[in-house]
Protein backbone atom coordinates (compact mmCIF):
# COMPACT_ATOMS: atom_id res chain seq x y z
CA MET A 1 -1.05 -15.53 17.54
CA LYS A 2 -2.97 -16.72 20.37
CA LEU A 3 -3.13 -14.91 24.16
CA THR A 4 -3.00 -16.26 27.85
CA THR A 5 -6.00 -14.53 28.31
CA LYS A 6 -5.52 -15.94 32.23
CA LEU A 7 -2.53 -14.34 32.51
CA LEU A 8 -3.66 -11.28 31.47
CA THR A 9 -5.41 -7.87 33.21
CA ALA A 10 -5.93 -4.67 32.05
CA THR A 11 -3.88 -3.55 34.91
CA ALA A 12 -0.66 -5.20 33.48
CA ILE A 13 -0.90 -2.32 30.76
CA VAL A 14 1.48 0.34 31.41
CA ALA A 15 0.71 3.69 29.36
CA ALA A 16 2.77 4.65 26.17
CA THR A 17 6.01 7.14 26.00
CA SER A 18 5.15 10.38 23.76
CA ALA A 19 7.12 13.12 23.07
CA SER A 20 4.46 15.14 23.98
CA ALA A 21 1.04 15.97 24.81
CA GLY A 22 -1.25 15.05 21.73
CA ASP A 23 1.44 12.97 20.15
CA LEU A 24 -0.21 9.55 19.35
CA GLU A 25 1.62 6.39 17.57
CA VAL A 26 -0.73 4.92 15.21
CA MET A 27 0.51 1.54 13.72
CA HIS A 28 -0.56 0.11 10.62
CA TRP A 29 0.34 -1.76 7.62
CA TRP A 30 -0.18 0.69 4.42
CA THR A 31 2.74 1.16 2.92
CA SER A 32 2.36 1.01 -1.08
CA GLY A 33 1.80 3.52 -3.12
CA GLY A 34 -1.56 3.85 -2.74
CA GLU A 35 -1.75 3.05 0.75
CA SER A 36 0.57 5.56 1.46
CA ALA A 37 -1.36 8.47 -0.19
CA ALA A 38 -4.46 7.33 1.72
CA VAL A 39 -2.84 7.03 5.03
CA SER A 40 -1.49 10.28 5.01
CA GLU A 41 -5.33 11.80 4.34
CA LEU A 42 -6.03 10.41 7.96
CA ALA A 43 -2.86 12.10 9.32
CA LYS A 44 -3.06 15.33 7.46
CA ALA A 45 -6.55 15.93 9.23
CA PHE A 46 -5.32 14.28 12.66
CA ASP A 47 -2.88 16.73 12.57
CA ALA A 48 -5.09 19.53 11.63
CA THR A 49 -6.82 19.26 15.32
CA GLY A 50 -3.40 20.06 16.78
CA ASN A 51 -2.81 16.76 17.68
CA THR A 52 0.14 14.58 16.17
CA TRP A 53 0.15 11.33 14.04
CA VAL A 54 3.22 9.41 14.90
CA ASP A 55 3.42 7.34 11.87
CA ALA A 56 4.42 3.55 12.45
CA ALA A 57 3.85 1.81 9.65
CA ILE A 58 5.06 -2.04 9.27
CA ALA A 59 4.88 -3.49 5.38
CA GLY A 60 2.71 -7.08 5.66
CA GLY A 61 -0.61 -7.53 7.55
CA GLU A 62 0.29 -10.67 8.96
CA SER A 63 3.82 -9.28 9.85
CA ALA A 64 2.58 -5.73 11.65
CA ARG A 65 -0.76 -7.98 13.42
CA SER A 66 2.24 -10.19 15.54
CA VAL A 67 4.23 -6.91 16.39
CA MET A 68 0.83 -5.42 17.21
CA VAL A 69 -0.09 -8.10 19.69
CA SER A 70 3.40 -8.66 20.95
CA ARG A 71 3.51 -5.02 21.98
CA LEU A 72 -0.24 -4.98 23.26
CA ILE A 73 0.82 -8.56 25.62
CA GLY A 74 4.34 -7.17 26.69
CA GLY A 75 2.85 -3.96 28.03
CA ASP A 76 3.92 -1.47 25.48
CA PRO A 77 0.84 -0.34 23.89
CA MET A 78 0.63 1.93 20.56
CA GLY A 79 -2.10 5.09 20.62
CA ALA A 80 -3.75 3.24 18.04
CA PHE A 81 -3.70 0.23 14.96
CA GLN A 82 -4.82 -1.05 12.37
CA PHE A 83 -7.02 -4.94 11.99
CA ASN A 84 -9.71 -6.00 9.30
CA HIS A 85 -12.92 -6.14 10.57
CA GLY A 86 -14.19 -9.55 11.98
CA ARG A 87 -12.65 -11.66 14.73
CA GLN A 88 -8.92 -11.07 14.79
CA ALA A 89 -9.22 -8.43 18.30
CA GLU A 90 -11.76 -10.80 20.36
CA GLU A 91 -8.80 -12.33 22.82
CA LEU A 92 -7.74 -8.79 22.85
CA ILE A 93 -10.73 -7.60 24.04
CA GLU A 94 -11.39 -10.38 26.33
CA ALA A 95 -7.94 -9.69 28.09
CA GLY A 96 -9.11 -5.93 28.77
CA LEU A 97 -6.37 -4.71 26.39
CA LEU A 98 -8.78 -2.56 24.22
CA ARG A 99 -10.45 0.74 24.96
CA ASP A 100 -14.18 0.68 24.85
CA ILE A 101 -15.36 3.50 22.56
CA THR A 102 -18.81 2.80 22.57
CA ASP A 103 -19.35 6.69 24.47
CA ILE A 104 -17.64 8.26 21.13
CA ALA A 105 -19.78 5.88 18.86
CA GLU A 106 -22.97 7.02 20.27
CA ALA A 107 -21.84 10.75 20.46
CA GLU A 108 -21.01 10.59 16.88
CA GLY A 109 -24.57 8.60 15.88
CA TRP A 110 -22.48 5.76 14.23
CA LYS A 111 -24.95 3.79 14.71
CA ASP A 112 -27.94 5.62 12.02
CA ILE A 113 -24.37 6.17 9.50
CA ILE A 114 -22.80 3.07 9.16
CA ASN A 115 -23.82 1.10 6.12
CA PRO A 116 -24.05 -1.99 6.22
CA PRO A 117 -24.73 -2.40 9.95
CA SER A 118 -22.79 -5.45 10.08
CA LEU A 119 -19.27 -3.51 10.38
CA LEU A 120 -20.24 -1.88 13.44
CA ASP A 121 -21.43 -5.09 14.87
CA ALA A 122 -18.08 -6.36 13.99
CA CYS A 123 -16.66 -3.59 16.10
CA THR A 124 -19.38 -4.74 19.05
CA VAL A 125 -19.02 -7.48 21.84
CA ASP A 126 -21.55 -7.74 24.70
CA GLY A 127 -22.84 -4.68 23.53
CA ARG A 128 -20.12 -2.43 23.94
CA ILE A 129 -18.40 -1.11 20.70
CA TYR A 130 -13.88 -1.26 20.13
CA CYS A 131 -13.50 -0.20 16.86
CA ALA A 132 -14.33 2.57 14.46
CA PRO A 133 -14.21 1.02 10.74
CA VAL A 134 -12.62 3.23 8.33
CA ASN A 135 -14.05 2.00 5.30
CA ILE A 136 -15.12 -1.26 3.20
CA HIS A 137 -12.83 -3.29 1.51
CA SER A 138 -13.97 -6.23 -0.99
CA TRP A 139 -12.07 -8.85 -2.45
CA GLN A 140 -14.21 -9.82 -5.01
CA TRP A 141 -12.24 -8.09 -8.29
CA ILE A 142 -10.66 -9.14 -11.27
CA TRP A 143 -8.42 -6.47 -12.58
CA LEU A 144 -7.39 -6.17 -16.42
CA SER A 145 -4.77 -4.72 -18.15
CA HIS A 146 -6.10 -3.21 -21.80
CA LYS A 147 -2.73 -3.01 -23.19
CA ALA A 148 -1.79 -6.97 -22.23
CA TYR A 149 -4.66 -7.64 -24.43
CA ALA A 150 -4.15 -5.04 -26.66
CA ASP A 151 -0.50 -6.73 -27.20
CA ALA A 152 -1.94 -9.75 -27.98
CA GLY A 153 -4.67 -9.17 -30.31
CA LEU A 154 -7.73 -10.06 -28.39
CA ASP A 155 -10.76 -8.24 -26.88
CA VAL A 156 -10.35 -7.53 -22.71
CA PRO A 157 -12.30 -10.38 -21.08
CA ALA A 158 -15.77 -9.73 -19.86
CA ASP A 159 -15.73 -12.80 -17.09
CA TRP A 160 -13.95 -15.84 -16.03
CA ASP A 161 -14.44 -18.36 -18.48
CA GLU A 162 -13.32 -15.66 -21.32
CA PHE A 163 -9.84 -14.46 -19.11
CA VAL A 164 -9.27 -18.47 -18.60
CA ALA A 165 -9.76 -19.39 -22.44
CA ALA A 166 -7.49 -16.07 -23.27
CA ALA A 167 -4.24 -17.51 -21.34
CA PRO A 168 -2.80 -19.42 -24.33
CA MET A 169 -3.10 -16.52 -26.95
CA LEU A 170 -1.61 -14.18 -23.88
CA GLU A 171 1.17 -16.80 -23.05
CA LYS A 172 1.88 -16.43 -26.83
CA ALA A 173 2.71 -13.33 -26.62
CA GLY A 174 4.90 -13.19 -23.81
CA LYS A 175 2.47 -12.06 -21.61
CA LEU A 176 2.14 -13.78 -17.97
CA PRO A 177 -2.10 -14.55 -17.86
CA LEU A 178 -2.56 -13.80 -13.63
CA ALA A 179 -0.53 -11.99 -11.67
CA MET A 180 -0.19 -13.10 -7.89
CA GLY A 181 2.03 -12.40 -5.10
CA GLN A 182 3.80 -15.73 -3.46
CA GLN A 183 2.17 -15.32 -0.34
CA GLY A 184 -0.38 -17.22 1.38
CA TRP A 185 -3.20 -14.23 2.10
CA GLN A 186 -3.41 -13.71 -1.57
CA GLN A 187 -3.62 -17.04 -2.53
CA SER A 188 -6.27 -18.08 0.14
CA GLY A 189 -7.83 -14.65 -1.32
CA LEU A 190 -7.73 -15.54 -4.53
CA PHE A 191 -9.68 -18.73 -3.84
CA ASN A 192 -12.14 -17.18 -1.47
CA VAL A 193 -13.17 -14.97 -4.55
CA LEU A 194 -13.51 -17.74 -6.58
CA PHE A 195 -15.99 -19.73 -4.01
CA ALA A 196 -17.86 -16.31 -3.67
CA ALA A 197 -18.43 -15.78 -7.76
CA LEU A 198 -18.89 -18.91 -9.13
CA VAL A 199 -21.35 -20.90 -6.39
CA PRO A 200 -24.35 -19.75 -5.21
CA ASN A 201 -24.22 -17.80 -1.72
CA GLU A 202 -25.95 -20.95 0.20
CA VAL A 203 -23.10 -22.44 -0.48
CA PHE A 204 -20.35 -20.31 0.87
CA LEU A 205 -22.08 -19.02 3.63
CA SER A 206 -22.67 -23.16 4.53
CA VAL A 207 -19.06 -23.47 4.67
CA TYR A 208 -17.76 -20.12 6.00
CA ASP A 209 -20.75 -19.39 8.42
CA ASP A 210 -22.07 -22.79 9.33
CA LYS A 211 -19.00 -24.70 9.34
CA ASP A 212 -20.53 -27.81 7.28
CA ALA A 213 -17.65 -29.52 5.85
CA GLU A 214 -20.30 -31.92 4.15
CA VAL A 215 -20.83 -29.15 1.75
CA ALA A 216 -17.17 -28.77 1.48
CA THR A 217 -16.30 -31.72 -0.01
CA GLY A 218 -19.84 -31.32 -2.59
CA ALA A 219 -19.43 -30.96 -6.17
CA ASP A 220 -20.17 -26.83 -5.90
CA VAL A 221 -17.01 -26.53 -3.93
CA GLY A 222 -15.32 -29.26 -6.40
CA ARG A 223 -15.96 -26.34 -9.33
CA VAL A 224 -14.39 -23.65 -6.88
CA PHE A 225 -11.19 -26.04 -6.91
CA ALA A 226 -11.25 -26.86 -10.60
CA ALA A 227 -11.21 -23.11 -10.94
CA ALA A 228 -8.09 -22.76 -8.69
CA ALA A 229 -6.50 -25.02 -10.63
CA ASP A 230 -7.01 -22.90 -13.44
CA ALA A 231 -5.59 -20.16 -11.75
CA ARG A 232 -2.79 -21.66 -10.15
CA ALA A 233 -1.32 -22.66 -14.25
CA MET A 234 -2.10 -19.37 -15.57
CA ALA A 235 0.10 -18.58 -12.60
CA SER A 236 2.84 -20.29 -12.80
CA GLY A 237 5.13 -17.98 -14.15
CA SER A 238 4.41 -15.20 -11.14
CA ASN A 239 7.43 -14.66 -9.54
CA VAL A 240 6.63 -11.43 -7.61
CA GLN A 241 5.99 -11.53 -3.71
CA ASN A 242 3.98 -8.64 -2.53
CA TRP A 243 0.65 -7.89 -3.72
CA ASN A 244 1.46 -4.51 -5.31
CA ASP A 245 4.29 -5.90 -7.20
CA ALA A 246 2.22 -7.96 -9.03
CA THR A 247 -0.70 -5.28 -9.34
CA ASN A 248 2.26 -3.06 -11.34
CA LEU A 249 2.50 -6.45 -13.66
CA VAL A 250 -0.91 -5.47 -14.41
CA ILE A 251 -0.39 -1.96 -15.01
CA THR A 252 2.40 -2.19 -17.21
CA GLY A 253 0.72 -4.61 -19.03
CA GLN A 254 3.08 -7.58 -18.60
CA ALA A 255 0.27 -9.41 -17.21
CA GLY A 256 -3.60 -9.66 -18.56
CA GLY A 257 -5.43 -9.21 -14.88
CA GLN A 258 -4.88 -10.29 -11.36
CA ILE A 259 -7.41 -11.07 -8.70
CA MET A 260 -6.79 -8.71 -5.83
CA GLY A 261 -9.18 -6.42 -3.68
CA ASP A 262 -10.17 -3.15 -4.48
CA TRP A 263 -7.10 -1.60 -2.76
CA ALA A 264 -5.48 -2.27 -6.09
CA GLN A 265 -7.12 0.57 -6.88
CA GLY A 266 -4.96 3.11 -5.24
CA GLU A 267 -1.86 1.95 -7.34
CA PHE A 268 -3.78 2.20 -10.72
CA ALA A 269 -4.44 5.91 -9.39
CA VAL A 270 -1.02 6.48 -8.39
CA ALA A 271 0.17 5.38 -11.94
CA GLY A 272 -1.90 8.11 -13.52
CA GLN A 273 -4.55 5.12 -15.18
CA VAL A 274 -7.96 5.71 -16.28
CA ALA A 275 -10.71 3.24 -15.27
CA GLY A 276 -12.67 2.33 -18.55
CA THR A 277 -9.76 3.09 -20.42
CA ASP A 278 -6.12 1.92 -19.32
CA TYR A 279 -7.63 -0.86 -17.24
CA SER A 280 -11.08 -2.95 -16.50
CA CYS A 281 -12.68 -3.84 -13.35
CA LEU A 282 -14.75 -6.84 -12.99
CA PRO A 283 -16.76 -7.31 -9.53
CA GLY A 284 -17.38 -10.77 -9.14
CA LEU A 285 -15.54 -11.63 -11.82
CA GLY A 286 -17.95 -10.71 -13.97
CA VAL A 287 -20.04 -13.78 -12.59
CA THR A 288 -21.91 -12.72 -9.84
CA GLU A 289 -21.30 -9.45 -9.21
CA LEU A 290 -21.10 -8.84 -5.28
CA LEU A 291 -18.79 -7.41 -2.70
CA SER A 292 -18.15 -8.55 0.83
CA THR A 293 -18.15 -6.37 3.73
CA GLY A 294 -14.25 -6.91 4.63
CA GLY A 295 -12.06 -3.43 5.28
CA ASP A 296 -10.24 -1.89 8.05
CA ALA A 297 -11.39 -0.58 11.30
CA PHE A 298 -9.27 1.10 14.48
CA TYR A 299 -8.51 0.01 17.63
CA PHE A 300 -7.72 2.19 20.61
CA PRO A 301 -5.47 0.34 23.55
CA VAL A 302 -6.49 0.95 27.31
CA LEU A 303 -3.63 3.77 28.42
CA SER A 304 -3.50 5.95 31.38
CA ASP A 305 -2.00 9.07 29.81
CA GLU A 306 -5.22 11.69 29.80
CA ALA A 307 -3.58 13.78 26.93
CA GLU A 308 -3.36 10.59 24.71
CA ILE A 309 -6.62 9.28 25.74
CA ALA A 310 -7.93 12.38 24.43
CA ALA A 311 -6.21 12.64 21.44
CA GLN A 312 -7.44 8.56 21.18
CA SER A 313 -11.09 10.66 21.20
CA GLU A 314 -10.61 12.93 18.41
CA LEU A 315 -9.04 10.34 16.21
CA ALA A 316 -11.63 8.12 16.94
CA ALA A 317 -14.33 10.79 15.78
CA LEU A 318 -12.49 12.16 13.03
CA MET A 319 -12.23 8.80 10.92
CA LEU A 320 -15.63 8.49 10.60
CA ARG A 321 -16.36 12.10 10.07
CA PRO A 322 -17.57 13.13 6.52
CA ALA A 323 -14.74 15.32 5.08
CA THR A 324 -12.12 12.67 6.34
CA GLN A 325 -14.49 9.47 4.70
CA VAL A 326 -14.25 11.04 1.34
CA ALA A 327 -10.63 11.80 1.31
CA PHE A 328 -9.24 8.85 2.93
CA ASN A 329 -11.64 6.38 0.52
CA LEU A 330 -10.92 8.03 -2.67
CA ALA A 331 -7.49 7.87 -2.16
CA LYS A 332 -7.25 4.46 -0.68
CA GLY A 333 -10.18 3.16 -3.49
CA SER A 334 -12.28 1.43 -0.97
CA LEU A 335 -16.21 2.49 -0.15
CA PRO A 336 -17.20 4.64 2.62
CA VAL A 337 -18.35 3.16 5.80
CA ARG A 338 -20.72 6.03 5.88
CA GLY A 339 -23.73 5.73 3.78
CA ASP A 340 -24.67 9.52 3.68
CA ILE A 341 -21.99 11.32 1.91
CA ASP A 342 -21.55 12.26 -1.92
CA LEU A 343 -18.87 10.35 -3.80
CA SER A 344 -20.06 11.82 -7.50
CA THR A 345 -16.30 12.21 -8.01
CA ALA A 346 -15.26 8.49 -7.72
CA ASN A 347 -13.83 6.52 -11.15
CA ASP A 348 -15.81 3.63 -12.57
CA CYS A 349 -14.19 0.94 -10.40
CA MET A 350 -15.70 2.52 -7.19
CA GLN A 351 -19.14 3.70 -9.27
CA LYS A 352 -19.51 0.08 -9.75
CA GLY A 353 -19.29 -1.37 -5.98
CA LEU A 354 -21.00 1.93 -4.49
CA ALA A 355 -23.93 0.89 -7.14
CA LEU A 356 -23.17 -2.78 -5.28
CA LEU A 357 -23.40 -1.49 -1.77
CA ALA A 358 -26.72 0.20 -2.86
CA ASP A 359 -28.37 -2.90 -4.42
CA GLY A 360 -27.54 -4.81 -0.99
CA ALA A 361 -25.55 -7.05 -3.12
CA LEU A 362 -23.39 -8.16 -0.31
CA LEU A 363 -21.64 -10.81 1.65
CA PRO A 364 -19.94 -10.92 4.55
CA ASP A 365 -16.55 -10.92 4.75
CA THR A 366 -14.22 -14.83 5.66
CA ASN A 367 -12.83 -12.90 8.67
CA GLN A 368 -16.08 -11.97 10.01
CA LEU A 369 -16.65 -16.05 10.01
CA VAL A 370 -13.30 -17.35 11.09
CA THR A 371 -11.03 -17.45 13.85
CA PRO A 372 -7.78 -16.40 12.62
CA ASP A 373 -6.49 -19.22 13.31
CA THR A 374 -8.86 -21.46 10.80
CA ALA A 375 -7.55 -18.56 8.79
CA GLU A 376 -3.81 -19.63 9.12
CA GLN A 377 -4.45 -23.22 8.28
CA ILE A 378 -6.79 -22.27 5.05
CA SER A 379 -3.93 -19.89 3.72
CA THR A 380 -0.95 -22.64 5.06
CA LEU A 381 -3.05 -24.98 2.43
CA PHE A 382 -3.22 -22.67 -0.45
CA VAL A 383 0.54 -21.39 0.20
CA GLU A 384 0.96 -25.33 -0.71
CA PHE A 385 -1.30 -26.14 -3.32
CA PHE A 386 -0.51 -23.10 -5.47
CA ALA A 387 3.70 -24.00 -4.88
CA ASP A 388 2.98 -27.87 -5.67
CA PRO A 389 0.99 -28.90 -9.13
CA SER A 390 1.06 -32.58 -7.80
CA ILE A 391 -1.77 -31.22 -5.09
CA THR A 392 -4.43 -32.91 -6.63
CA VAL A 393 -7.94 -30.90 -6.77
CA GLU A 394 -9.75 -33.80 -4.73
CA ASP A 395 -6.37 -34.07 -2.22
CA ALA A 396 -6.82 -29.82 -1.66
CA GLN A 397 -10.72 -29.94 -1.62
CA ALA A 398 -10.72 -32.95 1.35
CA ARG A 399 -8.00 -31.08 3.42
CA PHE A 400 -10.47 -28.01 3.53
CA ALA A 401 -13.21 -29.69 4.35
CA ASN A 402 -11.24 -31.19 7.13
CA ILE A 403 -10.25 -27.30 8.32
CA ILE A 404 -13.69 -26.70 8.19
CA ALA A 405 -14.90 -29.32 10.33
CA ILE A 406 -12.69 -28.32 13.00
CA ALA A 407 -13.35 -24.69 12.37
CA GLU A 408 -15.07 -22.43 15.55
């Protein structure tokens, strides 16, 4: 959603109305079982300061972002809101709608504790800090149901190739090989996981960072589109919409696997499933073990009410305190942004992620490399690709390369 920045100034903002001092409306899209458990940890910590977290959850990231931007440009700001790490807030910052929280970041020593530093860089515009990163979420995982494979008389796959090879036997056993929600962000996310796992890092960065359309037309990227066609075939019987409904198919043994970010761990936890016993997780699809440094950050609109501004400051600082980071991320399934806290109680899957983070096996998230407009074009392409088997690998790759050619 684009802003007409010429028409917007900070003076156009009206203070949000609160029922009483210390109430802060916090807008986010965390509505699944695992997500709700995680956000409640933030709310409990904030309420313990004497302030009140006024929850404003909107299902679906795309829908939520649209409402958030409309509220902001319409002069009706909330107290704080969630966006992903990356370039989603650039125009809001340029319009003067978001609060500069550099003073809080400096007082709390964020520069010394946030790992990797690129997370704080993603919050920084012209040397000033505008958001508080709260977690590291990585897309590069496939989640596998032990029950589904046991029912089919198969071993749990160890990598993408074994996963594809097992699909026919799963189908004979009445199982869906690949669970996937019918939403563009899930489909483009799956493609990017294949991209990160199946080609060298330099090819991924040439396309998404350098915007090299010639590389995007090459054989390496062609391999990714061929794998996407395999995924399309394996997911052809998946008729759920929401990502967590697809995760539930894996949890209940109705589907062999799902390619989804590590936030899926929260759903397994709520269901009482144990990593390594009930399900397996393969970072990088078991092919190239790495993580992207995506995740969530909170921004704070410019307000005029002094009590709300003080509550914003407390919330921003609180989000990166050690106890908050541990409680929130253990519930969310994400990794902490602090490099100095103990997560020895984390499950097998989170431990794999922590090890990769420690080893520096990282890629920037695509949201940090492309604009929301480019991301939307890619999403639209994959909605069509997964809905229409007549779209060939070659045609889809050509369209993708055209998008990259005009990307900013």
